Amino acid sequence: MPRMVGRAKRLPVPEEIRSLELSPRHLSLLALLLFDGPTTVNDLAERLEVAPTTVSLMVSELSRKGVLERREDESDRRRRIVSITDESRPRIETWLAASARAWRQALAPLTAGQRRLFVDTLTAYERALDEPATD
């Protein structure tokens, strides 16, 4: 697992977005927006398990760089929806494509039940990391 995580962190940032100075901390936020679509800062914070202020700061930073945009939620004008800009989407997709392709390739031969077991196992591993050591 540490080797896999280390390898993912070393994915090179494509030349066309290197000037944006994106870092691994942006990877999860951008992946959520790319694969799951536009959402709120609070939803992103919950899913990333960080404070909403942390996500808000990252969104503001990436908005100034033209990577993200905030727009009014049509169903609730008090809320703001965060999304990747149309201009930046192809560059972000290029950056994250290798990881997505690797996951698709690794999971493709598995049955739906096997994929569910894999996801459940990773989730159990993640939960176990939060438990206090007993030895």
N, C-alpha and C. Protein backbone atom coordinates (compact mmCIF):
# COMPACT_ATOMS: atom_id res chain seq x y z
N MET A 1 0.82 -1.20 0.00
CA MET A 1 0.00 0.00 0.00
C MET A 1 0.87 1.27 0.00
N PRO A 2 1.87 1.37 0.88
CA PRO A 2 2.70 2.59 0.84
C PRO A 2 3.38 2.79 -0.51
N ARG A 3 3.79 1.72 -1.14
CA ARG A 3 4.43 1.84 -2.45
C ARG A 3 3.44 2.38 -3.48
N MET A 4 2.20 1.89 -3.43
CA MET A 4 1.17 2.34 -4.38
C MET A 4 0.86 3.82 -4.17
N VAL A 5 0.70 4.23 -2.92
CA VAL A 5 0.41 5.63 -2.62
C VAL A 5 1.57 6.52 -3.04
N GLY A 6 2.79 6.07 -2.74
CA GLY A 6 3.97 6.83 -3.15
C GLY A 6 4.05 6.99 -4.65
N ARG A 7 3.73 5.93 -5.37
CA ARG A 7 3.74 5.98 -6.85
C ARG A 7 2.71 6.97 -7.37
N ALA A 8 1.52 6.95 -6.78
CA ALA A 8 0.46 7.87 -7.22
C ALA A 8 0.87 9.32 -6.97
N LYS A 9 1.54 9.58 -5.86
CA LYS A 9 1.98 10.94 -5.56
C LYS A 9 3.06 11.43 -6.51
N ARG A 10 3.77 10.50 -7.13
CA ARG A 10 4.84 10.89 -8.05
C ARG A 10 4.37 11.06 -9.49
N LEU A 11 3.06 10.92 -9.72
CA LEU A 11 2.56 11.14 -11.08
C LEU A 11 2.97 12.54 -11.52
N PRO A 12 3.64 12.65 -12.64
CA PRO A 12 4.08 13.98 -13.05
C PRO A 12 2.92 14.88 -13.44
N VAL A 13 3.06 16.13 -13.09
CA VAL A 13 2.07 17.13 -13.49
C VAL A 13 2.37 17.48 -14.94
N PRO A 14 1.38 17.35 -15.83
CA PRO A 14 1.62 17.67 -17.24
C PRO A 14 2.14 19.09 -17.43
N GLU A 15 2.99 19.26 -18.42
CA GLU A 15 3.61 20.55 -18.71
C GLU A 15 2.59 21.68 -18.82
N GLU A 16 1.44 21.41 -19.46
CA GLU A 16 0.47 22.47 -19.70
C GLU A 16 -0.19 23.00 -18.43
N ILE A 17 -0.08 22.30 -17.30
CA ILE A 17 -0.64 22.84 -16.06
C ILE A 17 0.42 23.02 -14.97
N ARG A 18 1.66 22.75 -15.29
CA ARG A 18 2.73 22.91 -14.31
C ARG A 18 2.79 24.34 -13.77
N SER A 19 2.52 25.31 -14.62
CA SER A 19 2.59 26.72 -14.20
C SER A 19 1.52 27.07 -13.16
N LEU A 20 0.50 26.23 -13.02
CA LEU A 20 -0.56 26.48 -12.04
C LEU A 20 -0.11 26.13 -10.62
N GLU A 21 1.05 25.49 -10.51
CA GLU A 21 1.62 25.10 -9.21
C GLU A 21 0.64 24.26 -8.39
N LEU A 22 0.04 23.27 -9.05
CA LEU A 22 -0.85 22.35 -8.35
C LEU A 22 0.00 21.35 -7.59
N SER A 23 -0.52 20.91 -6.46
CA SER A 23 0.22 19.98 -5.62
C SER A 23 -0.65 18.76 -5.33
N PRO A 24 -0.06 17.74 -4.69
CA PRO A 24 -0.86 16.55 -4.37
C PRO A 24 -2.12 16.85 -3.56
N ARG A 25 -2.09 17.91 -2.74
CA ARG A 25 -3.30 18.23 -1.96
C ARG A 25 -4.46 18.64 -2.86
N HIS A 26 -4.13 19.15 -4.06
CA HIS A 26 -5.17 19.52 -5.00
C HIS A 26 -5.73 18.30 -5.73
N LEU A 27 -4.96 17.23 -5.77
CA LEU A 27 -5.32 16.05 -6.54
C LEU A 27 -6.67 15.49 -6.11
N SER A 28 -6.87 15.28 -4.82
CA SER A 28 -8.13 14.69 -4.34
C SER A 28 -9.31 15.60 -4.63
N LEU A 29 -9.15 16.89 -4.38
CA LEU A 29 -10.22 17.84 -4.62
C LEU A 29 -10.60 17.85 -6.10
N LEU A 30 -9.62 17.92 -6.96
CA LEU A 30 -9.89 17.95 -8.41
C LEU A 30 -10.46 16.63 -8.90
N ALA A 31 -9.98 15.51 -8.34
CA ALA A 31 -10.51 14.20 -8.73
C ALA A 31 -11.99 14.09 -8.37
N LEU A 32 -12.36 14.54 -7.18
CA LEU A 32 -13.77 14.51 -6.79
C LEU A 32 -14.62 15.33 -7.76
N LEU A 33 -14.17 16.52 -8.07
CA LEU A 33 -14.94 17.38 -8.99
C LEU A 33 -14.98 16.81 -10.40
N LEU A 34 -13.88 16.22 -10.84
CA LEU A 34 -13.83 15.68 -12.19
C LEU A 34 -14.72 14.44 -12.33
N PHE A 35 -14.61 13.51 -11.39
CA PHE A 35 -15.31 12.24 -11.52
C PHE A 35 -16.73 12.25 -10.98
N ASP A 36 -17.01 13.11 -9.98
CA ASP A 36 -18.34 13.13 -9.38
C ASP A 36 -19.14 14.37 -9.74
N GLY A 37 -18.49 15.34 -10.35
CA GLY A 37 -19.20 16.53 -10.81
C GLY A 37 -19.22 17.65 -9.79
N PRO A 38 -19.78 18.79 -10.19
CA PRO A 38 -19.83 19.98 -9.36
C PRO A 38 -20.54 19.71 -8.04
N THR A 39 -20.10 20.40 -6.99
CA THR A 39 -20.70 20.24 -5.66
C THR A 39 -20.36 21.45 -4.80
N THR A 40 -20.77 21.41 -3.56
CA THR A 40 -20.54 22.53 -2.64
C THR A 40 -19.22 22.35 -1.89
N VAL A 41 -18.75 23.45 -1.31
CA VAL A 41 -17.54 23.41 -0.47
C VAL A 41 -17.75 22.47 0.71
N ASN A 42 -18.93 22.55 1.34
CA ASN A 42 -19.19 21.68 2.49
C ASN A 42 -19.16 20.21 2.11
N ASP A 43 -19.71 19.86 0.96
CA ASP A 43 -19.68 18.47 0.51
C ASP A 43 -18.24 18.03 0.25
N LEU A 44 -17.47 18.88 -0.41
CA LEU A 44 -16.07 18.56 -0.65
C LEU A 44 -15.32 18.37 0.67
N ALA A 45 -15.56 19.24 1.62
CA ALA A 45 -14.89 19.16 2.92
C ALA A 45 -15.24 17.84 3.62
N GLU A 46 -16.50 17.49 3.58
CA GLU A 46 -16.93 16.24 4.22
C GLU A 46 -16.26 15.04 3.56
N ARG A 47 -16.24 15.03 2.25
CA ARG A 47 -15.68 13.89 1.53
C ARG A 47 -14.16 13.82 1.64
N LEU A 48 -13.51 14.98 1.76
CA LEU A 48 -12.06 15.01 1.93
C LEU A 48 -11.64 14.89 3.39
N GLU A 49 -12.64 14.97 4.27
CA GLU A 49 -12.42 14.89 5.72
C GLU A 49 -11.47 15.98 6.21
N VAL A 50 -11.76 17.21 5.77
CA VAL A 50 -11.04 18.40 6.22
C VAL A 50 -12.07 19.48 6.53
N ALA A 51 -11.62 20.54 7.16
CA ALA A 51 -12.52 21.64 7.51
C ALA A 51 -12.99 22.38 6.25
N PRO A 52 -14.23 22.86 6.27
CA PRO A 52 -14.72 23.64 5.13
C PRO A 52 -13.83 24.85 4.83
N THR A 53 -13.24 25.45 5.85
CA THR A 53 -12.36 26.60 5.59
C THR A 53 -11.14 26.19 4.78
N THR A 54 -10.64 24.99 5.00
CA THR A 54 -9.50 24.49 4.22
C THR A 54 -9.88 24.35 2.76
N VAL A 55 -11.04 23.76 2.51
CA VAL A 55 -11.50 23.60 1.13
C VAL A 55 -11.79 24.96 0.51
N SER A 56 -12.40 25.84 1.27
CA SER A 56 -12.71 27.18 0.76
C SER A 56 -11.44 27.90 0.32
N LEU A 57 -10.39 27.78 1.12
CA LEU A 57 -9.11 28.41 0.75
C LEU A 57 -8.55 27.80 -0.54
N MET A 58 -8.62 26.47 -0.65
CA MET A 58 -8.12 25.82 -1.87
C MET A 58 -8.95 26.23 -3.08
N VAL A 59 -10.27 26.29 -2.91
CA VAL A 59 -11.15 26.69 -4.01
C VAL A 59 -10.86 28.13 -4.42
N SER A 60 -10.66 29.00 -3.45
CA SER A 60 -10.34 30.40 -3.77
C SER A 60 -9.03 30.48 -4.54
N GLU A 61 -8.03 29.75 -4.08
CA GLU A 61 -6.73 29.74 -4.75
C GLU A 61 -6.86 29.24 -6.19
N LEU A 62 -7.58 28.15 -6.37
CA LEU A 62 -7.73 27.58 -7.71
C LEU A 62 -8.66 28.41 -8.58
N SER A 63 -9.58 29.14 -7.97
CA SER A 63 -10.46 30.04 -8.73
C SER A 63 -9.65 31.20 -9.30
N ARG A 64 -8.74 31.76 -8.46
CA ARG A 64 -7.89 32.85 -8.94
C ARG A 64 -7.01 32.42 -10.11
N LYS A 65 -6.66 31.14 -10.15
CA LYS A 65 -5.82 30.62 -11.23
C LYS A 65 -6.64 30.18 -12.44
N GLY A 66 -7.97 30.30 -12.34
CA GLY A 66 -8.84 29.95 -13.46
C GLY A 66 -9.12 28.47 -13.59
N VAL A 67 -8.80 27.68 -12.56
CA VAL A 67 -9.02 26.23 -12.62
C VAL A 67 -10.44 25.88 -12.18
N LEU A 68 -10.92 26.56 -11.14
CA LEU A 68 -12.26 26.30 -10.61
C LEU A 68 -13.11 27.56 -10.73
N GLU A 69 -14.42 27.34 -10.65
CA GLU A 69 -15.35 28.46 -10.61
C GLU A 69 -16.44 28.15 -9.59
N ARG A 70 -16.96 29.20 -8.99
CA ARG A 70 -18.10 29.08 -8.08
C ARG A 70 -19.27 29.77 -8.75
N ARG A 71 -20.41 29.11 -8.69
CA ARG A 71 -21.63 29.71 -9.24
C ARG A 71 -22.77 29.50 -8.27
N GLU A 72 -23.78 30.30 -8.44
CA GLU A 72 -24.95 30.21 -7.58
C GLU A 72 -25.71 28.91 -7.87
N ASP A 73 -26.18 28.25 -6.82
CA ASP A 73 -27.00 27.05 -6.96
C ASP A 73 -28.40 27.50 -7.38
N GLU A 74 -28.87 27.01 -8.50
CA GLU A 74 -30.18 27.42 -9.02
C GLU A 74 -31.31 27.04 -8.07
N SER A 75 -31.17 25.95 -7.32
CA SER A 75 -32.24 25.51 -6.43
C SER A 75 -32.18 26.17 -5.05
N ASP A 76 -31.04 26.73 -4.70
CA ASP A 76 -30.89 27.41 -3.41
C ASP A 76 -29.84 28.50 -3.59
N ARG A 77 -30.27 29.70 -3.82
CA ARG A 77 -29.38 30.80 -4.17
C ARG A 77 -28.40 31.18 -3.06
N ARG A 78 -28.58 30.64 -1.86
CA ARG A 78 -27.63 30.89 -0.77
C ARG A 78 -26.38 30.04 -0.92
N ARG A 79 -26.49 28.95 -1.65
CA ARG A 79 -25.36 28.03 -1.80
C ARG A 79 -24.57 28.33 -3.07
N ARG A 80 -23.30 27.98 -3.02
CA ARG A 80 -22.42 28.12 -4.19
C ARG A 80 -21.96 26.73 -4.60
N ILE A 81 -21.96 26.51 -5.88
CA ILE A 81 -21.52 25.23 -6.45
C ILE A 81 -20.13 25.44 -7.04
N VAL A 82 -19.23 24.53 -6.73
CA VAL A 82 -17.85 24.57 -7.22
C VAL A 82 -17.72 23.58 -8.37
N SER A 83 -17.06 24.01 -9.44
CA SER A 83 -16.81 23.11 -10.57
C SER A 83 -15.50 23.49 -11.25
N ILE A 84 -14.99 22.57 -12.04
CA ILE A 84 -13.80 22.81 -12.84
C ILE A 84 -14.23 23.65 -14.04
N THR A 85 -13.45 24.67 -14.38
CA THR A 85 -13.80 25.50 -15.54
C THR A 85 -13.69 24.69 -16.83
N ASP A 86 -14.48 25.06 -17.80
CA ASP A 86 -14.43 24.37 -19.09
C ASP A 86 -13.03 24.46 -19.70
N GLU A 87 -12.38 25.60 -19.49
CA GLU A 87 -11.04 25.80 -20.05
C GLU A 87 -10.02 24.86 -19.41
N SER A 88 -10.15 24.61 -18.12
CA SER A 88 -9.17 23.79 -17.40
C SER A 88 -9.48 22.30 -17.45
N ARG A 89 -10.72 21.94 -17.72
CA ARG A 89 -11.12 20.53 -17.68
C ARG A 89 -10.21 19.61 -18.50
N PRO A 90 -9.90 19.91 -19.76
CA PRO A 90 -9.04 18.99 -20.51
C PRO A 90 -7.67 18.79 -19.87
N ARG A 91 -7.10 19.86 -19.31
CA ARG A 91 -5.78 19.75 -18.69
C ARG A 91 -5.85 18.91 -17.41
N ILE A 92 -6.91 19.08 -16.65
CA ILE A 92 -7.08 18.30 -15.42
C ILE A 92 -7.32 16.83 -15.77
N GLU A 93 -8.15 16.58 -16.78
CA GLU A 93 -8.39 15.21 -17.22
C GLU A 93 -7.09 14.53 -17.65
N THR A 94 -6.23 15.27 -18.35
CA THR A 94 -4.95 14.73 -18.77
C THR A 94 -4.11 14.34 -17.56
N TRP A 95 -4.10 15.21 -16.55
CA TRP A 95 -3.31 14.96 -15.34
C TRP A 95 -3.79 13.70 -14.62
N LEU A 96 -5.12 13.55 -14.51
CA LEU A 96 -5.69 12.45 -13.74
C LEU A 96 -5.96 11.20 -14.56
N ALA A 97 -5.79 11.27 -15.87
CA ALA A 97 -6.14 10.15 -16.74
C ALA A 97 -5.34 8.88 -16.43
N ALA A 98 -4.06 9.00 -16.15
CA ALA A 98 -3.24 7.81 -15.89
C ALA A 98 -3.75 7.05 -14.68
N SER A 99 -4.10 7.77 -13.64
CA SER A 99 -4.61 7.12 -12.43
C SER A 99 -5.97 6.47 -12.70
N ALA A 100 -6.86 7.17 -13.36
CA ALA A 100 -8.18 6.63 -13.67
C ALA A 100 -8.05 5.40 -14.58
N ARG A 101 -7.18 5.50 -15.56
CA ARG A 101 -6.96 4.38 -16.48
C ARG A 101 -6.43 3.16 -15.73
N ALA A 102 -5.51 3.38 -14.80
CA ALA A 102 -4.94 2.28 -14.01
C ALA A 102 -6.02 1.61 -13.16
N TRP A 103 -6.89 2.40 -12.52
CA TRP A 103 -7.98 1.82 -11.73
C TRP A 103 -8.93 1.03 -12.61
N ARG A 104 -9.30 1.59 -13.76
CA ARG A 104 -10.21 0.86 -14.66
C ARG A 104 -9.59 -0.46 -15.11
N GLN A 105 -8.31 -0.43 -15.45
CA GLN A 105 -7.62 -1.63 -15.90
C GLN A 105 -7.54 -2.67 -14.78
N ALA A 106 -7.24 -2.23 -13.57
CA ALA A 106 -7.12 -3.15 -12.44
C ALA A 106 -8.47 -3.76 -12.05
N LEU A 107 -9.54 -2.98 -12.15
CA LEU A 107 -10.85 -3.45 -11.71
C LEU A 107 -11.65 -4.15 -12.80
N ALA A 108 -11.30 -3.94 -14.06
CA ALA A 108 -12.07 -4.48 -15.18
C ALA A 108 -12.28 -5.99 -15.12
N PRO A 109 -11.26 -6.79 -14.79
CA PRO A 109 -11.47 -8.25 -14.80
C PRO A 109 -12.31 -8.76 -13.63
N LEU A 110 -12.60 -7.91 -12.65
CA LEU A 110 -13.33 -8.35 -11.48
C LEU A 110 -14.84 -8.33 -11.71
N THR A 111 -15.53 -9.23 -11.03
CA THR A 111 -16.99 -9.20 -11.07
C THR A 111 -17.45 -8.05 -10.18
N ALA A 112 -18.73 -7.73 -10.27
CA ALA A 112 -19.28 -6.66 -9.42
C ALA A 112 -19.08 -7.00 -7.94
N GLY A 113 -19.25 -8.24 -7.57
CA GLY A 113 -19.06 -8.66 -6.19
C GLY A 113 -17.61 -8.53 -5.74
N GLN A 114 -16.70 -8.87 -6.63
CA GLN A 114 -15.27 -8.74 -6.30
C GLN A 114 -14.87 -7.27 -6.15
N ARG A 115 -15.41 -6.42 -7.03
CA ARG A 115 -15.13 -4.98 -6.90
C ARG A 115 -15.67 -4.46 -5.57
N ARG A 116 -16.87 -4.90 -5.20
CA ARG A 116 -17.46 -4.47 -3.93
C ARG A 116 -16.58 -4.92 -2.76
N LEU A 117 -16.08 -6.16 -2.81
CA LEU A 117 -15.19 -6.67 -1.77
C LEU A 117 -13.91 -5.83 -1.69
N PHE A 118 -13.38 -5.47 -2.83
CA PHE A 118 -12.16 -4.66 -2.88
C PHE A 118 -12.40 -3.29 -2.22
N VAL A 119 -13.48 -2.64 -2.60
CA VAL A 119 -13.80 -1.33 -2.04
C VAL A 119 -14.07 -1.45 -0.54
N ASP A 120 -14.81 -2.47 -0.15
CA ASP A 120 -15.09 -2.67 1.28
C ASP A 120 -13.80 -2.92 2.06
N THR A 121 -12.86 -3.66 1.47
CA THR A 121 -11.58 -3.92 2.13
C THR A 121 -10.78 -2.64 2.31
N LEU A 122 -10.72 -1.81 1.27
CA LEU A 122 -10.01 -0.53 1.39
C LEU A 122 -10.68 0.37 2.43
N THR A 123 -12.00 0.35 2.48
CA THR A 123 -12.72 1.15 3.46
C THR A 123 -12.43 0.65 4.88
N ALA A 124 -12.39 -0.66 5.05
CA ALA A 124 -12.06 -1.23 6.37
C ALA A 124 -10.64 -0.87 6.77
N TYR A 125 -9.73 -0.90 5.82
CA TYR A 125 -8.33 -0.51 6.09
C TYR A 125 -8.27 0.95 6.54
N GLU A 126 -9.00 1.80 5.84
CA GLU A 126 -9.02 3.22 6.19
C GLU A 126 -9.57 3.42 7.60
N ARG A 127 -10.66 2.73 7.93
CA ARG A 127 -11.24 2.84 9.27
C ARG A 127 -10.26 2.35 10.33
N ALA A 128 -9.55 1.27 10.04
CA ALA A 128 -8.60 0.70 10.99
C ALA A 128 -7.46 1.68 11.27
N LEU A 129 -7.11 2.49 10.31
CA LEU A 129 -6.06 3.49 10.53
C LEU A 129 -6.46 4.51 11.59
N ASP A 130 -7.76 4.73 11.72
CA ASP A 130 -8.25 5.70 12.70
C ASP A 130 -8.38 5.13 14.11
N GLU A 131 -8.29 3.82 14.24
CA GLU A 131 -8.43 3.19 15.55
C GLU A 131 -7.13 3.32 16.34
N PRO A 132 -7.27 3.47 17.66
CA PRO A 132 -6.05 3.57 18.48
C PRO A 132 -5.30 2.24 18.50
N ALA A 133 -4.00 2.31 18.61
CA ALA A 133 -3.17 1.11 18.67
C ALA A 133 -3.45 0.38 19.97
N THR A 134 -3.51 -0.94 19.89
CA THR A 134 -3.81 -1.75 21.08
C THR A 134 -2.65 -2.64 21.49
N ASP A 135 -1.54 -2.59 20.78
CA ASP A 135 -0.43 -3.48 21.13
C ASP A 135 0.62 -2.83 21.93
